[in-house]
Amino acid sequence: MALPNIFDQAVATGVIERINKLTSATQPKWGKMNVGQMLAHCCVTYEMIYDNKHAAPKGLMKWMLKTLVKGAVVTEKPYKHNSRTGPAFLMTTEKEFSTEKERLINYIKKTQQLGAKEFDGKASLSFGPLTTTEWNNMFYKHLDHHLSQFGV
């Protein structure tokens, strides 16, 4: 079953509409993050692409990510609730809801506007070169997982 194509404007708009249903008081159905932290957590994927804010893994960590983690992230198989996450994705401090919401929406819009061709064969910081389908799965699945976590 193919995941919805985040590069399609209607799909991106649908995800943004779900984000716009969140409020600073929205509570999770599972997990430890509050809604501001979740939005900041979702931004990390895009920071790794656009902002040169995170260091690429090296050595054993890079091998482990490509060998053991990549398949869980870039396939259509849904994430399990309360799955472990990478250190860059851990949110332990408070995050400003409206700031993180705006950042995430802007990242989604930018990605959709760049389009699938921009990502075909593009290297991921953690996983190396990915196909357009793998990028789509990673983007959409992660967003859907966390928006479902918060009931939208």
N, C-alpha and C. Protein backbone atom coordinates (compact mmCIF):
# COMPACT_ATOMS: atom_id res chain seq x y z
N MET A 1 0.85 -1.18 0.00
CA MET A 1 0.00 0.00 0.00
C MET A 1 0.89 1.24 0.00
N ALA A 2 0.82 2.03 -1.02
CA ALA A 2 1.63 3.24 -1.11
C ALA A 2 1.10 4.32 -0.16
N LEU A 3 2.01 5.04 0.44
CA LEU A 3 1.62 6.16 1.30
C LEU A 3 1.24 7.35 0.43
N PRO A 4 0.41 8.26 0.96
CA PRO A 4 0.10 9.48 0.22
C PRO A 4 1.38 10.23 -0.13
N ASN A 5 1.36 10.90 -1.28
CA ASN A 5 2.54 11.57 -1.81
C ASN A 5 2.63 13.00 -1.26
N ILE A 6 3.54 13.20 -0.32
CA ILE A 6 3.71 14.50 0.33
C ILE A 6 4.16 15.57 -0.66
N PHE A 7 4.68 15.16 -1.81
CA PHE A 7 5.09 16.12 -2.83
C PHE A 7 3.89 16.65 -3.62
N ASP A 8 2.74 16.02 -3.47
CA ASP A 8 1.51 16.46 -4.12
C ASP A 8 0.90 17.60 -3.29
N GLN A 9 0.52 18.67 -3.94
CA GLN A 9 0.03 19.83 -3.21
C GLN A 9 -1.19 19.52 -2.36
N ALA A 10 -2.11 18.70 -2.86
CA ALA A 10 -3.31 18.37 -2.09
C ALA A 10 -2.96 17.59 -0.82
N VAL A 11 -2.00 16.70 -0.91
CA VAL A 11 -1.58 15.92 0.26
C VAL A 11 -0.88 16.83 1.27
N ALA A 12 0.04 17.67 0.79
CA ALA A 12 0.73 18.60 1.68
C ALA A 12 -0.27 19.52 2.36
N THR A 13 -1.23 20.02 1.61
CA THR A 13 -2.26 20.89 2.18
C THR A 13 -3.07 20.14 3.24
N GLY A 14 -3.38 18.89 2.99
CA GLY A 14 -4.11 18.08 3.97
C GLY A 14 -3.34 17.91 5.27
N VAL A 15 -2.04 17.69 5.16
CA VAL A 15 -1.20 17.56 6.35
C VAL A 15 -1.17 18.89 7.10
N ILE A 16 -1.04 19.97 6.38
CA ILE A 16 -1.03 21.30 7.01
C ILE A 16 -2.37 21.58 7.69
N GLU A 17 -3.46 21.18 7.09
CA GLU A 17 -4.78 21.35 7.72
C GLU A 17 -4.84 20.57 9.03
N ARG A 18 -4.26 19.38 9.06
CA ARG A 18 -4.22 18.61 10.31
C ARG A 18 -3.39 19.35 11.37
N ILE A 19 -2.26 19.90 10.97
CA ILE A 19 -1.42 20.66 11.90
C ILE A 19 -2.19 21.86 12.44
N ASN A 20 -2.96 22.51 11.59
CA ASN A 20 -3.73 23.68 12.00
C ASN A 20 -4.86 23.35 12.97
N LYS A 21 -5.21 22.09 13.12
CA LYS A 21 -6.21 21.67 14.10
C LYS A 21 -5.62 21.56 15.51
N LEU A 22 -4.31 21.54 15.59
CA LEU A 22 -3.65 21.45 16.90
C LEU A 22 -3.75 22.79 17.62
N THR A 23 -3.78 22.73 18.94
CA THR A 23 -3.67 23.92 19.78
C THR A 23 -2.55 23.66 20.78
N SER A 24 -2.15 24.69 21.48
CA SER A 24 -1.10 24.52 22.49
C SER A 24 -1.54 23.62 23.64
N ALA A 25 -2.84 23.37 23.73
CA ALA A 25 -3.38 22.52 24.80
C ALA A 25 -3.66 21.09 24.34
N THR A 26 -3.45 20.78 23.06
CA THR A 26 -3.72 19.43 22.56
C THR A 26 -2.84 18.42 23.29
N GLN A 27 -3.46 17.36 23.76
CA GLN A 27 -2.76 16.33 24.53
C GLN A 27 -2.49 15.09 23.66
N PRO A 28 -1.38 14.41 23.91
CA PRO A 28 -1.07 13.20 23.14
C PRO A 28 -1.88 12.00 23.62
N LYS A 29 -2.10 11.07 22.70
CA LYS A 29 -2.73 9.80 23.04
C LYS A 29 -1.71 8.83 23.64
N TRP A 30 -0.44 9.03 23.33
CA TRP A 30 0.66 8.24 23.87
C TRP A 30 1.92 9.09 23.82
N GLY A 31 2.95 8.62 24.50
CA GLY A 31 4.25 9.27 24.43
C GLY A 31 4.47 10.33 25.49
N LYS A 32 5.70 10.89 25.48
CA LYS A 32 6.12 11.83 26.51
C LYS A 32 6.13 13.28 26.06
N MET A 33 6.16 13.51 24.75
CA MET A 33 6.26 14.90 24.25
C MET A 33 4.94 15.64 24.36
N ASN A 34 5.04 16.94 24.63
CA ASN A 34 3.85 17.77 24.50
C ASN A 34 3.76 18.23 23.04
N VAL A 35 2.75 18.98 22.70
CA VAL A 35 2.51 19.32 21.30
C VAL A 35 3.60 20.21 20.71
N GLY A 36 4.12 21.15 21.48
CA GLY A 36 5.21 21.99 20.99
C GLY A 36 6.47 21.17 20.73
N GLN A 37 6.77 20.26 21.63
CA GLN A 37 7.93 19.39 21.45
C GLN A 37 7.75 18.48 20.24
N MET A 38 6.54 17.98 20.04
CA MET A 38 6.28 17.12 18.88
C MET A 38 6.52 17.87 17.58
N LEU A 39 6.04 19.11 17.51
CA LEU A 39 6.24 19.90 16.29
C LEU A 39 7.73 20.15 16.06
N ALA A 40 8.46 20.47 17.11
CA ALA A 40 9.91 20.67 17.00
C ALA A 40 10.60 19.38 16.58
N HIS A 41 10.16 18.26 17.13
CA HIS A 41 10.68 16.94 16.78
C HIS A 41 10.49 16.67 15.28
N CYS A 42 9.32 17.00 14.76
CA CYS A 42 9.04 16.78 13.33
C CYS A 42 9.89 17.70 12.45
N CYS A 43 10.27 18.85 12.97
CA CYS A 43 11.11 19.78 12.21
C CYS A 43 12.53 19.26 12.01
N VAL A 44 12.99 18.36 12.87
CA VAL A 44 14.38 17.91 12.81
C VAL A 44 14.69 17.28 11.45
N THR A 45 13.78 16.48 10.91
CA THR A 45 14.00 15.87 9.59
C THR A 45 14.34 16.94 8.56
N TYR A 46 13.61 18.04 8.59
CA TYR A 46 13.79 19.12 7.62
C TYR A 46 15.04 19.94 7.93
N GLU A 47 15.35 20.12 9.22
CA GLU A 47 16.59 20.80 9.59
C GLU A 47 17.79 20.06 9.01
N MET A 48 17.73 18.75 9.03
CA MET A 48 18.83 17.94 8.50
C MET A 48 19.01 18.13 6.99
N ILE A 49 17.97 18.50 6.31
CA ILE A 49 18.03 18.71 4.87
C ILE A 49 18.41 20.14 4.53
N TYR A 50 17.77 21.09 5.19
CA TYR A 50 17.85 22.48 4.76
C TYR A 50 18.77 23.38 5.59
N ASP A 51 19.01 23.05 6.84
CA ASP A 51 19.62 24.02 7.75
C ASP A 51 21.05 23.74 8.17
N ASN A 52 21.62 22.63 7.75
CA ASN A 52 23.01 22.31 8.11
C ASN A 52 23.23 22.49 9.62
N LYS A 53 22.25 22.05 10.39
CA LYS A 53 22.24 22.24 11.84
C LYS A 53 22.74 21.00 12.59
N HIS A 54 22.77 19.87 11.91
CA HIS A 54 23.10 18.60 12.55
C HIS A 54 24.29 17.95 11.84
N ALA A 55 25.17 17.35 12.61
CA ALA A 55 26.33 16.66 12.05
C ALA A 55 25.92 15.30 11.49
N ALA A 56 26.53 14.93 10.39
CA ALA A 56 26.29 13.60 9.82
C ALA A 56 26.91 12.55 10.72
N PRO A 57 26.22 11.43 10.88
CA PRO A 57 26.81 10.35 11.69
C PRO A 57 28.06 9.79 10.99
N LYS A 58 28.95 9.25 11.78
CA LYS A 58 30.19 8.71 11.23
C LYS A 58 30.43 7.30 11.77
N GLY A 59 31.27 6.58 11.08
CA GLY A 59 31.74 5.28 11.55
C GLY A 59 30.64 4.28 11.83
N LEU A 60 30.72 3.68 13.01
CA LEU A 60 29.79 2.63 13.41
C LEU A 60 28.34 3.14 13.44
N MET A 61 28.15 4.36 13.92
CA MET A 61 26.79 4.91 13.98
C MET A 61 26.19 5.01 12.58
N LYS A 62 26.96 5.48 11.61
CA LYS A 62 26.47 5.59 10.24
C LYS A 62 26.10 4.21 9.69
N TRP A 63 26.97 3.24 9.94
CA TRP A 63 26.70 1.87 9.48
C TRP A 63 25.42 1.34 10.13
N MET A 64 25.25 1.56 11.43
CA MET A 64 24.05 1.08 12.13
C MET A 64 22.79 1.73 11.57
N LEU A 65 22.84 3.03 11.33
CA LEU A 65 21.67 3.72 10.80
C LEU A 65 21.28 3.18 9.43
N LYS A 66 22.27 3.04 8.55
CA LYS A 66 21.99 2.57 7.19
C LYS A 66 21.57 1.10 7.18
N THR A 67 22.12 0.30 8.07
CA THR A 67 21.87 -1.14 8.07
C THR A 67 20.65 -1.53 8.89
N LEU A 68 20.50 -0.93 10.06
CA LEU A 68 19.47 -1.37 10.99
C LEU A 68 18.25 -0.46 11.09
N VAL A 69 18.42 0.82 10.84
CA VAL A 69 17.33 1.78 11.07
C VAL A 69 16.64 2.20 9.77
N LYS A 70 17.40 2.33 8.71
CA LYS A 70 16.87 2.86 7.45
C LYS A 70 15.58 2.15 7.02
N GLY A 71 15.57 0.83 7.05
CA GLY A 71 14.39 0.08 6.62
C GLY A 71 13.13 0.42 7.39
N ALA A 72 13.27 0.71 8.66
CA ALA A 72 12.10 1.07 9.48
C ALA A 72 11.60 2.48 9.17
N VAL A 73 12.50 3.33 8.68
CA VAL A 73 12.17 4.74 8.47
C VAL A 73 11.63 5.01 7.07
N VAL A 74 12.18 4.39 6.05
CA VAL A 74 11.86 4.77 4.67
C VAL A 74 10.87 3.83 3.98
N THR A 75 10.35 2.84 4.70
CA THR A 75 9.36 1.94 4.13
C THR A 75 7.95 2.40 4.50
N GLU A 76 6.97 1.70 4.00
CA GLU A 76 5.57 2.05 4.27
C GLU A 76 5.08 1.52 5.62
N LYS A 77 5.83 0.63 6.24
CA LYS A 77 5.41 0.04 7.51
C LYS A 77 5.30 1.12 8.58
N PRO A 78 4.15 1.22 9.23
CA PRO A 78 3.94 2.27 10.25
C PRO A 78 4.89 2.11 11.44
N TYR A 79 5.17 3.21 12.09
CA TYR A 79 5.94 3.19 13.32
C TYR A 79 5.07 2.63 14.45
N LYS A 80 5.71 1.97 15.39
CA LYS A 80 5.01 1.53 16.60
C LYS A 80 4.95 2.70 17.57
N HIS A 81 3.94 2.70 18.42
CA HIS A 81 3.84 3.73 19.45
C HIS A 81 5.04 3.61 20.39
N ASN A 82 5.50 4.75 20.86
CA ASN A 82 6.61 4.82 21.82
C ASN A 82 7.91 4.20 21.30
N SER A 83 8.12 4.29 19.99
CA SER A 83 9.37 3.80 19.41
C SER A 83 10.53 4.69 19.87
N ARG A 84 11.72 4.13 19.91
CA ARG A 84 12.91 4.92 20.24
C ARG A 84 13.22 5.86 19.10
N THR A 85 13.87 6.96 19.42
CA THR A 85 14.23 7.94 18.41
C THR A 85 15.70 8.31 18.54
N GLY A 86 16.24 8.88 17.49
CA GLY A 86 17.64 9.29 17.50
C GLY A 86 17.87 10.48 18.41
N PRO A 87 19.10 10.66 18.87
CA PRO A 87 19.41 11.75 19.81
C PRO A 87 19.01 13.14 19.30
N ALA A 88 19.19 13.42 18.02
CA ALA A 88 18.84 14.74 17.48
C ALA A 88 17.34 15.01 17.57
N PHE A 89 16.55 13.95 17.64
CA PHE A 89 15.10 14.08 17.64
C PHE A 89 14.50 14.16 19.05
N LEU A 90 15.32 13.94 20.06
CA LEU A 90 14.83 14.01 21.44
C LEU A 90 14.54 15.46 21.82
N MET A 91 13.37 15.68 22.37
CA MET A 91 12.96 17.02 22.81
C MET A 91 12.73 16.97 24.31
N THR A 92 13.65 17.57 25.04
CA THR A 92 13.57 17.52 26.51
C THR A 92 13.28 18.87 27.13
N THR A 93 13.34 19.93 26.33
CA THR A 93 13.03 21.27 26.83
C THR A 93 11.71 21.73 26.23
N GLU A 94 11.12 22.73 26.84
CA GLU A 94 9.88 23.30 26.32
C GLU A 94 10.12 23.97 24.97
N LYS A 95 9.15 23.88 24.10
CA LYS A 95 9.21 24.51 22.78
C LYS A 95 7.99 25.40 22.62
N GLU A 96 8.16 26.52 21.94
CA GLU A 96 7.07 27.47 21.71
C GLU A 96 6.16 26.92 20.61
N PHE A 97 4.94 26.60 20.97
CA PHE A 97 3.99 25.97 20.06
C PHE A 97 3.85 26.72 18.74
N SER A 98 3.55 28.01 18.78
CA SER A 98 3.27 28.74 17.54
C SER A 98 4.51 28.85 16.65
N THR A 99 5.68 28.99 17.24
CA THR A 99 6.93 29.05 16.48
C THR A 99 7.19 27.73 15.77
N GLU A 100 7.05 26.63 16.51
CA GLU A 100 7.32 25.30 15.93
C GLU A 100 6.28 24.94 14.88
N LYS A 101 5.05 25.33 15.12
CA LYS A 101 3.99 25.07 14.14
C LYS A 101 4.29 25.80 12.83
N GLU A 102 4.67 27.05 12.92
CA GLU A 102 4.99 27.84 11.72
C GLU A 102 6.20 27.25 11.00
N ARG A 103 7.23 26.87 11.76
CA ARG A 103 8.43 26.28 11.14
C ARG A 103 8.08 25.00 10.37
N LEU A 104 7.30 24.12 11.01
CA LEU A 104 6.96 22.86 10.37
C LEU A 104 6.13 23.08 9.10
N ILE A 105 5.16 23.95 9.17
CA ILE A 105 4.34 24.25 7.99
C ILE A 105 5.21 24.80 6.87
N ASN A 106 6.12 25.69 7.19
CA ASN A 106 7.01 26.25 6.17
C ASN A 106 7.90 25.19 5.55
N TYR A 107 8.41 24.27 6.36
CA TYR A 107 9.23 23.18 5.83
C TYR A 107 8.41 22.29 4.87
N ILE A 108 7.18 21.98 5.26
CA ILE A 108 6.33 21.13 4.41
C ILE A 108 6.06 21.84 3.09
N LYS A 109 5.75 23.11 3.14
CA LYS A 109 5.49 23.88 1.91
C LYS A 109 6.73 23.92 1.03
N LYS A 110 7.89 24.17 1.62
CA LYS A 110 9.13 24.24 0.85
C LYS A 110 9.41 22.91 0.17
N THR A 111 9.24 21.83 0.89
CA THR A 111 9.50 20.50 0.35
C THR A 111 8.55 20.20 -0.81
N GLN A 112 7.29 20.51 -0.63
CA GLN A 112 6.31 20.27 -1.69
C GLN A 112 6.63 21.11 -2.91
N GLN A 113 6.99 22.36 -2.70
CA GLN A 113 7.28 23.26 -3.83
C GLN A 113 8.55 22.84 -4.57
N LEU A 114 9.55 22.34 -3.86
CA LEU A 114 10.76 21.84 -4.53
C LEU A 114 10.42 20.62 -5.38
N GLY A 115 9.52 19.79 -4.88
CA GLY A 115 9.01 18.66 -5.65
C GLY A 115 9.86 17.41 -5.55
N ALA A 116 9.27 16.33 -6.01
CA ALA A 116 9.88 15.01 -5.93
C ALA A 116 11.21 14.94 -6.66
N LYS A 117 11.32 15.60 -7.81
CA LYS A 117 12.57 15.53 -8.59
C LYS A 117 13.77 16.03 -7.79
N GLU A 118 13.55 17.02 -6.95
CA GLU A 118 14.63 17.57 -6.11
C GLU A 118 15.21 16.50 -5.17
N PHE A 119 14.39 15.52 -4.81
CA PHE A 119 14.80 14.53 -3.82
C PHE A 119 15.22 13.20 -4.43
N ASP A 120 15.02 12.99 -5.70
CA ASP A 120 15.36 11.71 -6.33
C ASP A 120 16.87 11.50 -6.30
N GLY A 121 17.33 10.56 -5.49
CA GLY A 121 18.76 10.27 -5.36
C GLY A 121 19.49 11.18 -4.39
N LYS A 122 18.77 12.13 -3.80
CA LYS A 122 19.38 13.06 -2.83
C LYS A 122 19.83 12.26 -1.60
N ALA A 123 20.98 12.61 -1.06
CA ALA A 123 21.51 11.91 0.11
C ALA A 123 20.87 12.42 1.39
N SER A 124 20.43 11.51 2.20
CA SER A 124 19.95 11.79 3.55
C SER A 124 21.17 11.84 4.47
N LEU A 125 21.14 12.71 5.45
CA LEU A 125 22.24 12.82 6.40
C LEU A 125 22.51 11.48 7.09
N SER A 126 21.45 10.75 7.40
CA SER A 126 21.58 9.50 8.15
C SER A 126 21.65 8.25 7.29
N PHE A 127 21.00 8.27 6.13
CA PHE A 127 20.81 7.03 5.37
C PHE A 127 21.48 7.00 4.00
N GLY A 128 22.13 8.07 3.59
CA GLY A 128 22.73 8.11 2.27
C GLY A 128 21.68 8.40 1.21
N PRO A 129 21.98 8.15 -0.06
CA PRO A 129 21.03 8.46 -1.14
C PRO A 129 19.72 7.68 -0.99
N LEU A 130 18.61 8.39 -1.21
CA LEU A 130 17.28 7.79 -1.13
C LEU A 130 16.54 8.04 -2.43
N THR A 131 15.62 7.15 -2.73
CA THR A 131 14.73 7.36 -3.87
C THR A 131 13.65 8.36 -3.48
N THR A 132 12.93 8.85 -4.45
CA THR A 132 11.81 9.75 -4.17
C THR A 132 10.79 9.05 -3.27
N THR A 133 10.53 7.79 -3.54
CA THR A 133 9.57 7.03 -2.73
C THR A 133 10.04 6.93 -1.28
N GLU A 134 11.32 6.68 -1.09
CA GLU A 134 11.85 6.59 0.28
C GLU A 134 11.74 7.93 1.00
N TRP A 135 12.07 9.02 0.30
CA TRP A 135 11.91 10.35 0.91
C TRP A 135 10.45 10.58 1.27
N ASN A 136 9.55 10.28 0.35
CA ASN A 136 8.12 10.48 0.62
C ASN A 136 7.69 9.67 1.84
N ASN A 137 8.08 8.40 1.87
CA ASN A 137 7.68 7.56 3.00
C ASN A 137 8.19 8.13 4.32
N MET A 138 9.45 8.58 4.30
CA MET A 138 10.03 9.13 5.52
C MET A 138 9.29 10.39 5.96
N PHE A 139 9.05 11.30 5.03
CA PHE A 139 8.35 12.54 5.36
C PHE A 139 6.92 12.25 5.83
N TYR A 140 6.15 11.58 4.99
CA TYR A 140 4.73 11.41 5.27
C TYR A 140 4.50 10.55 6.50
N LYS A 141 5.19 9.42 6.58
CA LYS A 141 4.96 8.48 7.69
C LYS A 141 5.25 9.14 9.04
N HIS A 142 6.33 9.90 9.10
CA HIS A 142 6.70 10.55 10.36
C HIS A 142 5.64 11.58 10.77
N LEU A 143 5.24 12.40 9.82
CA LEU A 143 4.21 13.40 10.12
C LEU A 143 2.90 12.74 10.52
N ASP A 144 2.47 11.75 9.76
CA ASP A 144 1.20 11.07 10.05
C ASP A 144 1.24 10.41 11.43
N HIS A 145 2.36 9.78 11.75
CA HIS A 145 2.51 9.11 13.05
C HIS A 145 2.29 10.10 14.19
N HIS A 146 2.95 11.24 14.11
CA HIS A 146 2.85 12.20 15.22
C HIS A 146 1.56 13.00 15.21
N LEU A 147 1.00 13.27 14.05
CA LEU A 147 -0.30 13.94 14.03
C LEU A 147 -1.38 13.00 14.59
N SER A 148 -1.28 11.71 14.27
CA SER A 148 -2.20 10.73 14.85
C SER A 148 -1.99 10.62 16.37
N GLN A 149 -0.74 10.73 16.81
CA GLN A 149 -0.43 10.71 18.24
C GLN A 149 -1.22 11.80 18.98
N PHE A 150 -1.42 12.94 18.29
CA PHE A 150 -2.12 14.05 18.91
C PHE A 150 -3.57 14.19 18.42
N GLY A 151 -4.08 13.11 17.81
CA GLY A 151 -5.51 13.03 17.50
C GLY A 151 -5.99 13.85 16.33
N VAL A 152 -5.08 14.25 15.44
CA VAL A 152 -5.51 14.99 14.24
C VAL A 152 -5.05 14.28 12.98
